[in-house]
Each structure stands twice: as C-alpha cells, then as structure tokens.
Amino acid sequence: MEQVQQTFGRVAPQTLDEALALLARREAELAALRMAQQEWMHAVSHDLRAPLRHLLAFNPLVAELLESASPSAEDLEEARSFLQTMEQSSLRMAAMFDGLLQLNRAQSHVLQLQSVDLQALLLGIGQRLQAGSKGRSIEWCLPAAAPMLQADPHLLEQALSAALANAVKFTRTMSLARIQVDVQRDGQGGCCISVTDNGVGFEQARAGKLFGVFQRMHREAEFEGLGVGLALVRDVCRRHGGEAEIQAQLNAGCQLQMHWPTCLP
C-alpha cells in the first residue's frame, strides 16, 4: 500500500477498494482525454480550414483588383468587400483558437476534487447571467435544495455556466424565457443535473453532433457562438467519470442532462 500511496501522492487511497476506485477514475479520465484529443485534431485540421480558405482565396483577388495604376471605383468597392470578408474570417479564426484554448485548459486542468455546494453555485451563476440579460424576462426555476457534489469547483462552474448560458441564448426569441434546473439522485451515489428551457430547440435526430467542437444547429446570424459550450460541458462531465446528453424538439425547447457520478450524503 505504501507504493500505491507514493504513486498517487497527496490523494493516496487508504484501502484496496479506494485504490481500485481511484485507478478506475484515472482510466476513465485518460479515455476522455484521448477522445478529446481526437476531436481537437479534427477541429484543427477540418473546421479551421474554412476561414483559412477565405483568406487564401480572397488575397490574390484583392491584389489583382489593385494591380491597375488607377483602379476603377467598382474595383475598389469589390476589393473593400473582399477585405471585409477576410477581416471577418480572421476574427472568426481567432475566436476559434480562443475556443480551442478554453477546451484545452479544461482538459489539462489538474482535478482538485472537493465538496462543492451545487445549490449556491447555481444561484450565483443564475444571478450573473440575469444581470447580463437586461431587458429580458427570464423565469428561473432553480432547485430549492440540491446535494453537495464531489467535483473540481473550477471545472464544475465552467460547465454549469456554459449550460445555463446556452439556455439563456436560445430562449432569446421568447417573450418569457423559462429556464429550469432539476437535480435527481440516481440511487448509485450520483445524480443527474437537468437544464430545461423553452427556447427554439432543434431536431432531435441531429443531437449527436452537438457535443462536437464547433458544431452548431443555427446560423450565426440568428445566434452567436462557435459551438464550444456543449463540448466543454461534456468534457467536464467525462473528466469526472460522468456523461452529458441532450434532448430537444424543434421550436419546443431542449433539456441538457449532466450525469454526475458522485453526490455526497
């Protein structure tokens, strides 16, 4: 047991059962990190190519339009249009890199598991999001009581913030937005945190893609964002040995579920 304690450092288990549980958690975390790395590579090699193509394609067109010693007014206007597209693509690429950096920080963050007051955390996040939604009518239905969770407080706050911010964003078109959070124990030491809204929803058949990096259901002209929030939610759940899933109906809202493996008595 001394060797096991030295291997795991300050979180050394005291019994064989604790050592096996810790080993299983480490294996689950490694599996989650491997999967996240694969999605990271796909995002870098595929999704980032779209704005890069705009930059590479429009640059020679601008140069061609401006080659003349005295370009026409039409040529100058077209060149300005191309430059605007290039600027938008550059800004989008920069935002995508910021999103990848956020995911990378969450994935590489060293877990510091401790007891976290879920109810207080939800209340604080809700108040912050409400303060940033001036002029909107939002009905918050938070649980009257919630169990303490064993979690990394920094990562849990990031995941819950992303989940609730998503609900706030996609209820924007509702005259009265309704965001409800429920927490139910699963009978196996864990619980399910559900975030339900009455927003625009989406077709359930496409739900499997939503947790991928840069995956979106709506055009940016309708709802801003890059498609990073749900990927972050899922990564945080998986790093703790849990999982995330989502159900929805088009124009009838959606429900995001975070399955958390460890709730404290």
Protein backbone atom coordinates (compact mmCIF):
# COMPACT_ATOMS: atom_id res chain seq x y z
CA MET A 1 0.00 0.00 0.00
CA GLU A 2 2.95 2.38 0.59
CA GLN A 3 3.88 2.09 -3.08
CA VAL A 4 0.30 2.90 -4.12
CA GLN A 5 0.27 5.90 -1.80
CA GLN A 6 3.53 7.19 -3.23
CA THR A 7 2.22 6.76 -6.77
CA PHE A 8 -0.92 8.83 -6.18
CA GLY A 9 0.76 11.44 -3.98
CA ARG A 10 -1.47 13.60 -1.80
CA VAL A 11 -4.64 11.76 -2.83
CA ALA A 12 -3.27 8.39 -1.71
CA PRO A 13 -6.03 5.83 -1.08
CA GLN A 14 -6.17 4.12 2.30
CA THR A 15 -7.80 0.83 1.27
CA LEU A 16 -7.67 -1.51 -1.69
CA ASP A 17 -11.22 -0.54 -2.68
CA GLU A 18 -10.26 3.12 -2.68
CA ALA A 19 -7.17 2.35 -4.76
CA LEU A 20 -9.23 0.44 -7.33
CA ALA A 21 -11.83 3.23 -7.47
CA LEU A 22 -9.10 5.82 -7.96
CA LEU A 23 -7.49 3.71 -10.69
CA ALA A 24 -10.82 3.35 -12.47
CA ARG A 25 -11.34 7.11 -12.29
CA ARG A 26 -7.88 7.72 -13.74
CA GLU A 27 -8.55 5.29 -16.59
CA ALA A 28 -11.87 6.99 -17.36
CA GLU A 29 -10.15 10.36 -17.34
CA LEU A 30 -7.45 9.13 -19.73
CA ALA A 31 -10.09 7.74 -22.09
CA ALA A 32 -11.90 11.09 -22.04
CA LEU A 33 -8.66 12.93 -22.77
CA ARG A 34 -7.85 10.63 -25.70
CA MET A 35 -11.28 11.22 -27.20
CA ALA A 36 -10.94 14.97 -26.67
CA GLN A 37 -7.55 14.91 -28.38
CA GLN A 38 -9.05 13.21 -31.44
CA GLU A 39 -11.79 15.83 -31.66
CA TRP A 40 -9.21 18.56 -31.19
CA MET A 41 -7.22 17.27 -34.17
CA HIS A 42 -10.39 17.09 -36.28
CA ALA A 43 -11.28 20.66 -35.38
CA VAL A 44 -7.81 21.95 -36.22
CA SER A 45 -7.50 20.01 -39.48
CA HIS A 46 -11.09 20.49 -40.69
CA ASP A 47 -13.09 23.33 -39.11
CA LEU A 48 -10.27 25.87 -39.08
CA ARG A 49 -9.78 25.39 -42.82
CA ALA A 50 -12.99 27.26 -43.69
CA PRO A 51 -11.85 30.75 -42.55
CA LEU A 52 -8.34 29.99 -43.77
CA ARG A 53 -9.71 29.24 -47.25
CA HIS A 54 -11.35 32.67 -47.31
CA LEU A 55 -8.04 34.34 -46.51
CA LEU A 56 -6.11 32.36 -49.09
CA ALA A 57 -8.76 32.74 -51.80
CA PHE A 58 -9.51 36.44 -51.47
CA ASN A 59 -5.96 37.69 -51.04
CA PRO A 60 -4.95 37.19 -54.71
CA LEU A 61 -8.29 38.61 -55.84
CA VAL A 62 -7.64 41.83 -53.94
CA ALA A 63 -4.13 42.00 -55.36
CA GLU A 64 -5.49 41.52 -58.88
CA LEU A 65 -8.09 44.27 -58.47
CA LEU A 66 -5.48 46.71 -57.20
CA GLU A 67 -2.81 45.93 -59.81
CA SER A 68 -4.00 48.76 -62.03
CA ALA A 69 -2.31 52.11 -61.53
CA SER A 70 -5.77 53.71 -61.30
CA PRO A 71 -8.35 51.09 -60.30
CA SER A 72 -11.97 51.93 -61.03
CA ALA A 73 -14.49 52.77 -58.34
CA GLU A 74 -16.13 49.38 -58.94
CA ASP A 75 -12.80 47.59 -58.45
CA LEU A 76 -12.13 49.48 -55.23
CA GLU A 77 -15.57 48.65 -53.89
CA GLU A 78 -15.14 44.98 -54.72
CA ALA A 79 -11.69 44.99 -53.09
CA ARG A 80 -13.18 46.53 -49.94
CA SER A 81 -15.80 43.78 -49.89
CA PHE A 82 -13.11 41.10 -50.18
CA LEU A 83 -11.05 42.75 -47.43
CA GLN A 84 -14.12 42.84 -45.17
CA THR A 85 -14.66 39.12 -45.73
CA MET A 86 -11.00 38.46 -44.95
CA GLU A 87 -11.25 40.50 -41.76
CA GLN A 88 -14.36 38.59 -40.63
CA SER A 89 -12.62 35.29 -41.39
CA SER A 90 -9.56 36.39 -39.40
CA LEU A 91 -11.71 37.35 -36.41
CA ARG A 92 -13.58 34.07 -36.60
CA MET A 93 -10.35 32.08 -36.74
CA ALA A 94 -9.02 33.99 -33.72
CA ALA A 95 -12.23 33.22 -31.82
CA MET A 96 -11.97 29.55 -32.79
CA PHE A 97 -8.42 29.42 -31.44
CA ASP A 98 -9.68 31.01 -28.21
CA GLY A 99 -12.38 28.32 -28.01
CA LEU A 100 -9.83 25.55 -28.53
CA LEU A 101 -7.63 27.11 -25.87
CA GLN A 102 -10.54 27.14 -23.42
CA LEU A 103 -11.22 23.46 -24.09
CA ASN A 104 -7.54 22.61 -23.79
CA ARG A 105 -7.30 24.34 -20.42
CA ALA A 106 -10.32 22.42 -19.15
CA GLN A 107 -8.91 19.15 -20.45
CA SER A 108 -5.44 19.66 -18.99
CA HIS A 109 -6.56 21.20 -15.69
CA VAL A 110 -5.40 19.07 -12.77
CA LEU A 111 -8.51 17.85 -10.96
CA GLN A 112 -8.83 19.10 -7.40
CA LEU A 113 -11.81 17.14 -6.10
CA GLN A 114 -13.64 18.58 -3.13
CA SER A 115 -17.12 19.08 -1.75
CA VAL A 116 -18.99 21.70 -3.81
CA ASP A 117 -22.27 23.38 -2.86
CA LEU A 118 -24.27 22.87 -6.06
CA GLN A 119 -27.22 24.99 -4.96
CA ALA A 120 -25.06 28.01 -4.12
CA LEU A 121 -23.14 27.62 -7.38
CA LEU A 122 -26.34 27.52 -9.47
CA LEU A 123 -27.72 30.58 -7.67
CA GLY A 124 -24.56 32.58 -8.30
CA ILE A 125 -24.38 31.67 -11.98
CA GLY A 126 -28.07 32.43 -12.49
CA GLN A 127 -27.71 35.87 -10.88
CA ARG A 128 -24.69 36.66 -13.06
CA LEU A 129 -26.45 35.63 -16.27
CA GLN A 130 -29.60 37.55 -15.31
CA ALA A 131 -27.53 40.68 -14.72
CA GLY A 132 -26.15 40.33 -18.25
CA SER A 133 -29.62 39.91 -19.78
CA LYS A 134 -31.10 43.34 -19.08
CA GLY A 135 -34.46 43.99 -20.71
CA ARG A 136 -35.33 40.30 -20.89
CA SER A 137 -38.00 38.44 -18.94
CA ILE A 138 -36.46 35.21 -17.65
CA GLU A 139 -38.17 32.90 -15.18
CA TRP A 140 -35.53 30.98 -13.25
CA CYS A 141 -36.68 27.73 -11.63
CA LEU A 142 -33.73 26.57 -9.54
CA PRO A 143 -33.93 23.67 -7.08
CA ALA A 144 -34.96 24.53 -3.53
CA ALA A 145 -32.35 22.03 -2.34
CA ALA A 146 -29.51 20.20 -4.04
CA PRO A 147 -26.90 17.68 -2.89
CA MET A 148 -23.26 18.50 -2.40
CA LEU A 149 -21.13 17.21 -5.26
CA GLN A 150 -17.64 15.79 -5.28
CA ALA A 151 -16.11 17.85 -8.06
CA ASP A 152 -13.40 20.21 -9.16
CA PRO A 153 -15.12 23.54 -8.35
CA HIS A 154 -13.44 25.44 -11.19
CA LEU A 155 -14.45 22.94 -13.88
CA LEU A 156 -17.95 22.42 -12.47
CA GLU A 157 -18.59 26.17 -12.52
CA GLN A 158 -17.38 26.35 -16.13
CA ALA A 159 -19.68 23.52 -17.21
CA LEU A 160 -22.75 24.87 -15.40
CA SER A 161 -22.06 28.38 -16.71
CA ALA A 162 -21.89 27.06 -20.27
CA ALA A 163 -25.07 25.02 -19.83
CA LEU A 164 -27.10 27.91 -18.37
CA ALA A 165 -25.67 30.46 -20.83
CA ASN A 166 -26.77 28.17 -23.64
CA ALA A 167 -30.32 28.15 -22.26
CA VAL A 168 -30.31 31.94 -21.93
CA LYS A 169 -29.12 32.39 -25.50
CA PHE A 170 -31.57 30.04 -27.18
CA THR A 171 -34.59 31.43 -25.33
CA ARG A 172 -33.85 34.93 -26.60
CA THR A 173 -36.81 34.92 -29.01
CA MET A 174 -39.30 34.01 -26.27
CA SER A 175 -41.38 36.78 -24.70
CA LEU A 176 -40.95 34.94 -21.40
CA ALA A 177 -37.96 32.63 -21.19
CA ARG A 178 -38.21 29.75 -18.73
CA ILE A 179 -35.07 28.01 -17.51
CA GLN A 180 -35.47 25.17 -15.06
CA VAL A 181 -32.77 23.21 -13.25
CA ASP A 182 -33.59 19.88 -11.59
CA VAL A 183 -31.29 17.61 -9.61
CA GLN A 184 -32.19 13.97 -9.00
CA ARG A 185 -30.12 11.29 -7.29
CA ASP A 186 -29.68 8.15 -9.36
CA GLY A 187 -29.57 5.64 -6.50
CA GLN A 188 -25.96 4.71 -7.29
CA GLY A 189 -24.20 7.52 -5.46
CA GLY A 190 -24.53 10.00 -8.30
CA CYS A 191 -27.12 12.38 -9.67
CA CYS A 192 -28.49 13.91 -12.85
CA ILE A 193 -28.46 17.70 -13.28
CA SER A 194 -31.05 18.71 -15.89
CA VAL A 195 -31.23 22.15 -17.52
CA THR A 196 -34.54 22.59 -19.38
CA ASP A 197 -35.58 25.62 -21.43
CA ASN A 198 -38.47 26.69 -23.63
CA GLY A 199 -36.29 28.02 -26.41
CA VAL A 200 -36.05 27.35 -30.14
CA GLY A 201 -34.87 23.74 -29.74
CA PHE A 202 -33.73 21.65 -32.70
CA GLU A 203 -34.40 18.38 -34.45
CA GLN A 204 -33.53 15.51 -32.10
CA ALA A 205 -32.07 13.43 -34.93
CA ARG A 206 -29.14 15.87 -35.05
CA ALA A 207 -28.46 15.86 -31.31
CA GLY A 208 -25.46 13.54 -31.52
CA LYS A 209 -23.40 16.17 -33.33
CA LEU A 210 -23.94 18.96 -30.84
CA PHE A 211 -21.23 17.90 -28.39
CA GLY A 212 -18.55 18.07 -31.09
CA VAL A 213 -16.20 21.03 -31.23
CA PHE A 214 -17.54 23.86 -33.44
CA GLN A 215 -20.82 22.05 -34.09
CA ARG A 216 -23.89 24.30 -34.38
CA MET A 217 -27.59 23.92 -35.15
CA HIS A 218 -28.34 27.53 -36.05
CA ARG A 219 -26.81 30.13 -38.32
CA GLU A 220 -24.54 32.73 -36.70
CA ALA A 221 -26.88 35.45 -37.97
CA GLU A 222 -29.53 34.00 -35.65
CA PHE A 223 -27.44 33.07 -32.60
CA GLU A 224 -23.83 33.99 -31.98
CA GLY A 225 -21.26 31.48 -30.83
CA LEU A 226 -18.82 28.92 -32.16
CA GLY A 227 -20.20 25.66 -30.81
CA VAL A 228 -17.78 25.20 -27.90
CA GLY A 229 -20.08 25.37 -24.85
CA LEU A 230 -21.62 21.91 -25.05
CA ALA A 231 -18.25 20.36 -25.89
CA LEU A 232 -16.95 21.90 -22.68
CA VAL A 233 -19.92 20.56 -20.68
CA ARG A 234 -19.34 17.04 -21.95
CA ASP A 235 -15.58 17.16 -21.40
CA VAL A 236 -16.01 18.28 -17.78
CA CYS A 237 -18.56 15.54 -17.13
CA ARG A 238 -16.32 12.90 -18.65
CA ARG A 239 -13.26 14.06 -16.72
CA HIS A 240 -15.24 13.39 -13.56
CA GLY A 241 -16.38 9.97 -14.80
CA GLY A 242 -19.83 11.17 -15.89
CA GLU A 243 -21.55 11.94 -19.19
CA ALA A 244 -23.77 14.55 -20.86
CA GLU A 245 -26.68 14.18 -23.25
CA ILE A 246 -29.36 16.40 -24.72
CA GLN A 247 -32.96 16.03 -25.92
CA ALA A 248 -34.97 18.59 -27.84
CA GLN A 249 -37.85 19.34 -30.15
CA LEU A 250 -37.82 21.97 -32.85
CA ASN A 251 -39.42 25.18 -31.53
CA ALA A 252 -40.21 23.45 -28.23
CA GLY A 253 -37.02 23.87 -26.18
CA CYS A 254 -34.45 21.35 -25.05
CA GLN A 255 -33.13 19.57 -21.98
CA LEU A 256 -29.44 19.14 -21.24
CA GLN A 257 -28.58 16.40 -18.77
CA MET A 258 -25.32 16.17 -16.88
CA HIS A 259 -24.87 12.76 -15.27
CA TRP A 260 -22.60 13.28 -12.27
CA PRO A 261 -21.06 10.18 -10.67
CA THR A 262 -20.53 11.33 -7.09
CA CYS A 263 -23.00 13.13 -4.82
CA LEU A 264 -22.24 13.39 -1.14
CA PRO A 265 -24.73 12.22 1.51
